[in-house]
Each structure stands twice: as structure tokens, then as C-alpha cells.
Protein backbone atom coordinates (compact mmCIF):
# COMPACT_ATOMS: atom_id res chain seq x y z
CA MET A 1 -0.06 0.06 0.04
CA ALA A 2 1.43 3.38 -0.97
CA GLU A 3 2.03 6.02 1.71
CA GLU A 4 0.78 9.41 1.19
CA ASN A 5 3.36 12.05 0.85
CA SER A 6 1.22 14.98 1.73
CA PRO A 7 2.52 17.34 4.27
CA LYS A 8 0.79 17.13 7.59
CA LYS A 9 -0.51 20.39 8.96
CA ALA A 10 0.92 21.29 12.39
CA ALA A 11 -1.70 21.58 15.18
CA LEU A 12 -2.06 24.90 16.55
CA LYS A 13 -1.50 25.44 20.29
CA PRO A 14 -4.65 26.74 21.77
CA ARG A 15 -4.30 30.36 22.91
CA SER A 16 -5.71 32.15 25.90
CA LYS A 17 -8.85 34.37 25.39
CA ILE A 18 -7.28 37.09 27.65
CA SER A 19 -4.02 36.98 25.74
CA MET A 20 -5.76 37.18 22.44
CA PHE A 21 -7.85 40.05 23.62
CA VAL A 22 -4.82 42.02 24.86
CA VAL A 23 -2.87 41.23 21.56
CA CYS A 24 -5.94 42.43 19.52
CA LEU A 25 -6.37 45.42 21.62
CA PHE A 26 -2.85 46.68 21.04
CA THR A 27 -1.86 45.15 17.50
CA GLY A 28 -5.34 44.52 16.17
CA LEU A 29 -4.69 47.18 13.27
CA LEU A 30 -1.98 44.93 11.98
CA GLY A 31 -3.79 41.57 12.34
CA ILE A 32 -1.20 40.07 14.61
CA HIS A 33 -3.85 38.31 16.73
CA ARG A 34 -5.12 36.57 13.64
CA LEU A 35 -1.55 35.36 12.79
CA LEU A 36 -1.19 33.94 16.24
CA MET A 37 -4.55 32.21 15.89
CA GLY A 38 -3.51 30.60 12.61
CA TYR A 39 -5.65 32.45 10.09
CA THR A 40 -3.98 32.81 6.64
CA ASN A 41 -5.83 36.14 5.83
CA TRP A 42 -4.11 38.15 8.74
CA TRP A 43 -2.22 40.11 6.27
CA ILE A 44 -5.37 41.70 4.63
CA GLN A 45 -6.15 43.41 8.08
CA GLY A 46 -2.68 44.83 8.30
CA ILE A 47 -2.95 46.33 4.70
CA THR A 48 -6.35 48.00 5.37
CA ILE A 49 -5.22 49.23 8.83
CA GLY A 50 -7.66 46.84 10.63
CA GLY A 51 -10.32 47.36 8.10
CA TRP A 52 -10.35 50.97 9.09
CA PHE A 53 -10.82 49.86 12.79
CA PHE A 54 -14.01 47.92 11.87
CA TRP A 55 -12.27 44.45 11.95
CA THR A 56 -10.46 45.25 15.11
CA ILE A 57 -13.50 46.12 16.98
CA TYR A 58 -15.29 43.32 15.49
CA ASP A 59 -12.61 40.82 16.42
CA LEU A 60 -12.47 42.28 20.02
CA ILE A 61 -16.17 41.71 20.43
CA MET A 62 -16.03 38.19 18.92
CA ILE A 63 -13.20 37.20 21.14
CA VAL A 64 -15.05 38.43 24.24
CA ILE A 65 -18.36 36.53 23.42
CA ASP A 66 -16.39 33.26 22.51
CA ARG A 67 -17.27 33.40 18.79
CA MET A 68 -13.81 33.57 17.42
CA PRO A 69 -12.10 30.18 17.68
CA MET A 70 -8.56 29.37 16.54
CA ALA A 71 -8.28 28.71 12.80
CA ASP A 72 -8.56 24.97 13.07
CA GLY A 73 -11.81 25.42 15.12
CA THR A 74 -10.22 24.90 18.66
CA PRO A 75 -11.94 27.34 21.00
CA LEU A 76 -9.72 29.88 22.95
CA THR A 77 -8.66 28.67 26.42
CA LYS A 78 -10.33 30.57 29.36
CA SER A 79 -6.90 31.21 31.12
């Protein structure tokens, strides 16, 4: 039986909800929180200055109400 030679995607380390909130608060305009959470479209937020602040505010709210998981679907940890 032939083995698959496809590269395996590394599992993301779950991030803390508090740390992602703080990172988003201070560097949200650059999309750094999305990079740390494994999203591949983080650079768009940096180019558009956080979607003219809209995406940054949206992401802050989504982090607080637990609606923004890691890119692989893993929820943020509570601590």
C-alpha cells in the first residue's frame, strides 16, 4: 500500500482568550492576533489598517463573546 506524501498540518497551540484580547487590543490594526490564531488572511487586516478599525472592533467583540475560535476550530482557552 502506498504512503501519502502530503505534508501534515501542524496542530495549533490553543491560545488564551485574555492574551488574544490584549494582543488584538494593542496590535489589532496589524492583524497580529489573527496570525497567532492561525488564520491565513491576517495580512489583509494589516494592509487595510484593521479594516479602518472595523475588523479590530469586531474581532475584540467576537473574542469576548467566545465566537472567534482558532483557525482550526479549537476554542480559545479560558486562562
